[in-house]
Amino acid sequence: MQFAKAITKYVRISPRKARYAADLIRGLSVEKATLQLLYSKLRGGTLIKKTLDSAVANAETLFDARRDQLKVHEVRVDPGPILRRAKARSKGSSVPVNKRTSHFTIIVSTEAK
C-alpha cells in the first residue's frame, strides 16, 4: 500500500463543524467520497473536498495511481489557532468571541486487491 497526503492549514471553520463533513467520507473510495462531499450541504464539505482533490493529485503524481484505485485512508480535522475578538455589550462591558480555525489532513492509499 502506498500513501499520499495533503494538508490544509488555517481554514476559518470550527473543527466541530468540519468534523461532520469528515465523518461522511471516512473509509470510502475516492469516487464515493467526492460525490458525498459534492452533494453535501455542509460548508465544511466544500473545504474538505479541496484537500481531498489535492491528496488525489499527489497520489497520481507520485505513484502514477488512477483515481478509481484510491481509497480515503485517514481524515483528520485538528484545531488551529483561535482568533480572539470582543463584542460590545451593555454598560460598557464586552464579551469574548472566539473565531476558531482548523487544520485538515487527508491521507489516501492505493487499494490492495
N, C-alpha and C. Protein backbone atom coordinates (compact mmCIF):
# COMPACT_ATOMS: atom_id res chain seq x y z
N MET A 1 0.83 -1.18 0.00
CA MET A 1 0.00 0.00 0.00
C MET A 1 0.87 1.24 0.00
N GLN A 2 0.47 2.20 -0.82
CA GLN A 2 1.19 3.46 -0.88
C GLN A 2 0.27 4.58 -0.41
N PHE A 3 0.86 5.54 0.27
CA PHE A 3 0.07 6.61 0.87
C PHE A 3 0.47 7.96 0.29
N ALA A 4 -0.53 8.81 0.05
CA ALA A 4 -0.29 10.19 -0.36
C ALA A 4 -1.08 11.08 0.59
N LYS A 5 -0.49 12.23 0.93
CA LYS A 5 -1.07 13.08 1.96
C LYS A 5 -1.24 14.50 1.45
N ALA A 6 -2.28 15.17 1.95
CA ALA A 6 -2.48 16.59 1.68
C ALA A 6 -2.91 17.26 2.98
N ILE A 7 -2.36 18.44 3.23
CA ILE A 7 -2.67 19.18 4.45
C ILE A 7 -3.12 20.59 4.06
N THR A 8 -4.21 21.02 4.65
CA THR A 8 -4.68 22.40 4.50
C THR A 8 -4.73 23.00 5.90
N LYS A 9 -4.07 24.14 6.07
CA LYS A 9 -3.98 24.73 7.41
C LYS A 9 -4.69 26.08 7.47
N TYR A 10 -5.07 26.44 8.67
CA TYR A 10 -5.65 27.75 8.99
C TYR A 10 -6.96 28.02 8.23
N VAL A 11 -7.82 27.02 8.15
CA VAL A 11 -9.12 27.18 7.49
C VAL A 11 -10.09 27.78 8.50
N ARG A 12 -10.84 28.82 8.09
CA ARG A 12 -11.70 29.54 9.02
C ARG A 12 -13.06 28.86 9.19
N ILE A 13 -13.04 27.69 9.78
CA ILE A 13 -14.25 26.97 10.16
C ILE A 13 -13.91 26.26 11.46
N SER A 14 -14.87 26.14 12.34
CA SER A 14 -14.57 25.49 13.61
C SER A 14 -14.38 23.99 13.37
N PRO A 15 -13.48 23.37 14.11
CA PRO A 15 -13.22 21.94 13.92
C PRO A 15 -14.45 21.08 14.14
N ARG A 16 -15.30 21.48 15.06
CA ARG A 16 -16.50 20.70 15.34
C ARG A 16 -17.41 20.62 14.12
N LYS A 17 -17.57 21.73 13.42
CA LYS A 17 -18.42 21.76 12.23
C LYS A 17 -17.76 21.02 11.07
N ALA A 18 -16.44 21.12 10.95
CA ALA A 18 -15.75 20.46 9.85
C ALA A 18 -15.73 18.94 10.04
N ARG A 19 -15.77 18.48 11.26
CA ARG A 19 -15.74 17.04 11.51
C ARG A 19 -17.01 16.34 11.03
N TYR A 20 -18.13 17.07 10.95
CA TYR A 20 -19.35 16.47 10.40
C TYR A 20 -19.12 16.04 8.96
N ALA A 21 -18.44 16.87 8.18
CA ALA A 21 -18.15 16.53 6.78
C ALA A 21 -17.07 15.46 6.70
N ALA A 22 -16.11 15.49 7.62
CA ALA A 22 -15.04 14.50 7.60
C ALA A 22 -15.58 13.10 7.91
N ASP A 23 -16.58 13.03 8.77
CA ASP A 23 -17.16 11.74 9.11
C ASP A 23 -17.90 11.11 7.93
N LEU A 24 -18.34 11.93 6.98
CA LEU A 24 -19.06 11.41 5.82
C LEU A 24 -18.18 10.55 4.92
N ILE A 25 -16.89 10.88 4.84
CA ILE A 25 -16.03 10.24 3.84
C ILE A 25 -15.04 9.24 4.41
N ARG A 26 -15.00 9.11 5.71
CA ARG A 26 -14.00 8.24 6.33
C ARG A 26 -14.17 6.79 5.86
N GLY A 27 -13.11 6.22 5.25
CA GLY A 27 -13.11 4.83 4.82
C GLY A 27 -13.71 4.56 3.45
N LEU A 28 -14.19 5.57 2.75
CA LEU A 28 -14.81 5.37 1.44
C LEU A 28 -13.76 5.39 0.33
N SER A 29 -14.17 4.93 -0.84
CA SER A 29 -13.31 5.11 -2.01
C SER A 29 -13.35 6.58 -2.40
N VAL A 30 -12.36 7.01 -3.17
CA VAL A 30 -12.25 8.43 -3.51
C VAL A 30 -13.45 8.88 -4.36
N GLU A 31 -13.91 8.02 -5.26
CA GLU A 31 -15.06 8.38 -6.10
C GLU A 31 -16.31 8.63 -5.25
N LYS A 32 -16.58 7.72 -4.32
CA LYS A 32 -17.76 7.87 -3.46
C LYS A 32 -17.61 9.06 -2.52
N ALA A 33 -16.41 9.27 -2.03
CA ALA A 33 -16.16 10.39 -1.11
C ALA A 33 -16.36 11.73 -1.82
N THR A 34 -15.91 11.82 -3.07
CA THR A 34 -16.08 13.06 -3.83
C THR A 34 -17.56 13.36 -4.06
N LEU A 35 -18.32 12.34 -4.42
CA LEU A 35 -19.76 12.53 -4.62
C LEU A 35 -20.46 12.92 -3.32
N GLN A 36 -20.05 12.29 -2.23
CA GLN A 36 -20.65 12.57 -0.93
C GLN A 36 -20.43 14.04 -0.53
N LEU A 37 -19.20 14.54 -0.76
CA LEU A 37 -18.89 15.92 -0.41
C LEU A 37 -19.51 16.91 -1.39
N LEU A 38 -19.61 16.51 -2.65
CA LEU A 38 -20.14 17.40 -3.68
C LEU A 38 -21.61 17.72 -3.44
N TYR A 39 -22.38 16.72 -3.02
CA TYR A 39 -23.81 16.91 -2.82
C TYR A 39 -24.19 17.17 -1.36
N SER A 40 -23.21 17.35 -0.52
CA SER A 40 -23.47 17.68 0.87
C SER A 40 -23.75 19.18 0.99
N LYS A 41 -24.66 19.54 1.87
CA LYS A 41 -24.97 20.96 2.08
C LYS A 41 -24.06 21.59 3.12
N LEU A 42 -23.16 20.80 3.69
CA LEU A 42 -22.27 21.32 4.73
C LEU A 42 -21.21 22.22 4.13
N ARG A 43 -20.91 23.32 4.82
CA ARG A 43 -19.86 24.23 4.35
C ARG A 43 -18.49 23.55 4.42
N GLY A 44 -18.31 22.72 5.43
CA GLY A 44 -17.04 22.01 5.55
C GLY A 44 -16.82 21.02 4.42
N GLY A 45 -17.90 20.59 3.78
CA GLY A 45 -17.77 19.63 2.69
C GLY A 45 -17.00 20.19 1.51
N THR A 46 -17.28 21.43 1.14
CA THR A 46 -16.56 22.02 0.01
C THR A 46 -15.10 22.28 0.37
N LEU A 47 -14.84 22.63 1.62
CA LEU A 47 -13.46 22.89 2.05
C LEU A 47 -12.65 21.60 2.11
N ILE A 48 -13.26 20.53 2.60
CA ILE A 48 -12.55 19.25 2.69
C ILE A 48 -12.38 18.64 1.30
N LYS A 49 -13.30 18.92 0.39
CA LYS A 49 -13.20 18.39 -0.97
C LYS A 49 -11.95 18.93 -1.66
N LYS A 50 -11.60 20.18 -1.41
CA LYS A 50 -10.38 20.75 -1.98
C LYS A 50 -9.14 19.99 -1.51
N THR A 51 -9.11 19.67 -0.23
CA THR A 51 -7.98 18.93 0.31
C THR A 51 -7.94 17.52 -0.23
N LEU A 52 -9.12 16.89 -0.38
CA LEU A 52 -9.18 15.54 -0.95
C LEU A 52 -8.68 15.54 -2.39
N ASP A 53 -9.07 16.53 -3.18
CA ASP A 53 -8.59 16.62 -4.56
C ASP A 53 -7.08 16.80 -4.62
N SER A 54 -6.55 17.54 -3.67
CA SER A 54 -5.10 17.73 -3.61
C SER A 54 -4.38 16.43 -3.26
N ALA A 55 -4.93 15.66 -2.33
CA ALA A 55 -4.33 14.37 -1.97
C ALA A 55 -4.38 13.40 -3.13
N VAL A 56 -5.48 13.42 -3.88
CA VAL A 56 -5.60 12.55 -5.06
C VAL A 56 -4.58 12.94 -6.12
N ALA A 57 -4.41 14.23 -6.33
CA ALA A 57 -3.42 14.71 -7.30
C ALA A 57 -2.00 14.32 -6.88
N ASN A 58 -1.73 14.37 -5.58
CA ASN A 58 -0.42 13.95 -5.09
C ASN A 58 -0.19 12.46 -5.36
N ALA A 59 -1.22 11.65 -5.15
CA ALA A 59 -1.10 10.21 -5.39
C ALA A 59 -0.90 9.92 -6.88
N GLU A 60 -1.63 10.65 -7.73
CA GLU A 60 -1.47 10.44 -9.17
C GLU A 60 -0.08 10.84 -9.64
N THR A 61 0.48 11.88 -9.05
CA THR A 61 1.81 12.34 -9.44
C THR A 61 2.91 11.43 -8.90
N LEU A 62 2.82 11.08 -7.64
CA LEU A 62 3.89 10.31 -7.01
C LEU A 62 3.90 8.84 -7.39
N PHE A 63 2.72 8.23 -7.41
CA PHE A 63 2.65 6.78 -7.59
C PHE A 63 2.07 6.36 -8.92
N ASP A 64 1.67 7.33 -9.76
CA ASP A 64 1.05 7.04 -11.04
C ASP A 64 -0.20 6.17 -10.85
N ALA A 65 -0.95 6.46 -9.79
CA ALA A 65 -2.15 5.70 -9.46
C ALA A 65 -3.36 6.34 -10.13
N ARG A 66 -4.34 5.52 -10.47
CA ARG A 66 -5.58 6.04 -11.03
C ARG A 66 -6.54 6.40 -9.91
N ARG A 67 -7.44 7.33 -10.21
CA ARG A 67 -8.37 7.85 -9.21
C ARG A 67 -9.29 6.75 -8.68
N ASP A 68 -9.69 5.81 -9.55
CA ASP A 68 -10.62 4.77 -9.12
C ASP A 68 -9.96 3.69 -8.27
N GLN A 69 -8.63 3.72 -8.15
CA GLN A 69 -7.91 2.76 -7.31
C GLN A 69 -7.66 3.28 -5.91
N LEU A 70 -7.99 4.54 -5.67
CA LEU A 70 -7.63 5.17 -4.39
C LEU A 70 -8.77 5.08 -3.38
N LYS A 71 -8.36 5.04 -2.12
CA LYS A 71 -9.30 4.95 -1.00
C LYS A 71 -8.89 5.97 0.05
N VAL A 72 -9.87 6.56 0.73
CA VAL A 72 -9.57 7.50 1.81
C VAL A 72 -9.11 6.70 3.02
N HIS A 73 -7.84 6.82 3.35
CA HIS A 73 -7.26 6.04 4.45
C HIS A 73 -7.49 6.73 5.79
N GLU A 74 -7.26 8.04 5.81
CA GLU A 74 -7.40 8.79 7.07
C GLU A 74 -7.87 10.20 6.79
N VAL A 75 -8.79 10.68 7.61
CA VAL A 75 -9.25 12.08 7.56
C VAL A 75 -9.14 12.62 8.97
N ARG A 76 -8.40 13.72 9.11
CA ARG A 76 -8.23 14.29 10.44
C ARG A 76 -8.51 15.79 10.39
N VAL A 77 -9.28 16.27 11.34
CA VAL A 77 -9.55 17.71 11.47
C VAL A 77 -9.05 18.12 12.85
N ASP A 78 -7.98 18.88 12.86
CA ASP A 78 -7.36 19.32 14.11
C ASP A 78 -7.65 20.80 14.33
N PRO A 79 -7.71 21.22 15.59
CA PRO A 79 -7.92 22.65 15.84
C PRO A 79 -6.67 23.46 15.53
N GLY A 80 -6.89 24.63 14.98
CA GLY A 80 -5.80 25.57 14.71
C GLY A 80 -5.82 26.67 15.75
N PRO A 81 -5.12 27.75 15.50
CA PRO A 81 -5.14 28.86 16.45
C PRO A 81 -6.50 29.54 16.48
N ILE A 82 -6.82 30.12 17.62
CA ILE A 82 -8.11 30.79 17.81
C ILE A 82 -7.89 32.30 17.71
N LEU A 83 -8.68 32.94 16.84
CA LEU A 83 -8.65 34.39 16.75
C LEU A 83 -9.59 34.94 17.81
N ARG A 84 -9.05 35.65 18.76
CA ARG A 84 -9.86 36.13 19.88
C ARG A 84 -10.30 37.57 19.62
N ARG A 85 -11.61 37.78 19.66
CA ARG A 85 -12.20 39.08 19.42
C ARG A 85 -13.12 39.43 20.59
N ALA A 86 -13.63 40.63 20.62
CA ALA A 86 -14.55 41.04 21.68
C ALA A 86 -15.78 41.69 21.05
N LYS A 87 -16.91 41.49 21.68
CA LYS A 87 -18.17 42.07 21.23
C LYS A 87 -18.67 43.01 22.32
N ALA A 88 -19.04 44.21 21.93
CA ALA A 88 -19.50 45.20 22.90
C ALA A 88 -20.87 44.81 23.46
N ARG A 89 -21.02 44.99 24.76
CA ARG A 89 -22.29 44.71 25.43
C ARG A 89 -22.73 45.96 26.19
N SER A 90 -23.81 45.82 26.91
CA SER A 90 -24.36 46.99 27.59
C SER A 90 -23.48 47.44 28.75
N LYS A 91 -23.64 48.69 29.13
CA LYS A 91 -22.94 49.31 30.25
C LYS A 91 -21.41 49.30 30.08
N GLY A 92 -20.95 49.36 28.85
CA GLY A 92 -19.51 49.45 28.59
C GLY A 92 -18.74 48.17 28.76
N SER A 93 -19.42 47.07 28.93
CA SER A 93 -18.69 45.81 29.09
C SER A 93 -18.55 45.12 27.73
N SER A 94 -17.86 44.00 27.72
CA SER A 94 -17.69 43.25 26.48
C SER A 94 -17.65 41.76 26.80
N VAL A 95 -17.93 40.96 25.79
CA VAL A 95 -17.85 39.50 25.93
C VAL A 95 -16.90 38.97 24.87
N PRO A 96 -16.19 37.89 25.18
CA PRO A 96 -15.24 37.36 24.20
C PRO A 96 -15.95 36.61 23.07
N VAL A 97 -15.37 36.71 21.88
CA VAL A 97 -15.83 35.96 20.72
C VAL A 97 -14.62 35.20 20.18
N ASN A 98 -14.73 33.88 20.14
CA ASN A 98 -13.63 33.05 19.64
C ASN A 98 -13.91 32.63 18.21
N LYS A 99 -13.03 33.04 17.29
CA LYS A 99 -13.16 32.64 15.89
C LYS A 99 -12.16 31.50 15.67
N ARG A 100 -12.68 30.29 15.58
CA ARG A 100 -11.83 29.10 15.55
C ARG A 100 -11.36 28.77 14.13
N THR A 101 -10.18 28.17 14.04
CA THR A 101 -9.64 27.72 12.77
C THR A 101 -9.34 26.23 12.84
N SER A 102 -9.15 25.62 11.67
CA SER A 102 -8.93 24.17 11.61
C SER A 102 -7.76 23.85 10.69
N HIS A 103 -7.18 22.69 10.92
CA HIS A 103 -6.18 22.11 10.03
C HIS A 103 -6.74 20.78 9.53
N PHE A 104 -6.78 20.60 8.20
CA PHE A 104 -7.28 19.35 7.61
C PHE A 104 -6.09 18.51 7.16
N THR A 105 -6.15 17.21 7.44
CA THR A 105 -5.17 16.26 6.94
C THR A 105 -5.93 15.09 6.32
N ILE A 106 -5.66 14.82 5.05
CA ILE A 106 -6.29 13.69 4.37
C ILE A 106 -5.19 12.82 3.78
N ILE A 107 -5.27 11.52 4.07
CA ILE A 107 -4.33 10.55 3.54
C ILE A 107 -5.11 9.56 2.69
N VAL A 108 -4.70 9.40 1.43
CA VAL A 108 -5.32 8.41 0.56
C VAL A 108 -4.32 7.30 0.30
N SER A 109 -4.84 6.10 0.07
CA SER A 109 -3.98 4.95 -0.17
C SER A 109 -4.48 4.19 -1.38
N THR A 110 -3.58 3.43 -1.98
CA THR A 110 -3.99 2.55 -3.07
C THR A 110 -4.63 1.33 -2.46
N GLU A 111 -5.75 0.91 -3.03
CA GLU A 111 -6.46 -0.26 -2.51
C GLU A 111 -5.69 -1.52 -2.84
N ALA A 112 -5.55 -2.38 -1.87
CA ALA A 112 -4.87 -3.67 -2.08
C ALA A 112 -5.90 -4.67 -2.62
N LYS A 113 -5.72 -5.10 -3.86
CA LYS A 113 -6.68 -6.03 -4.47
C LYS A 113 -6.08 -7.40 -4.64
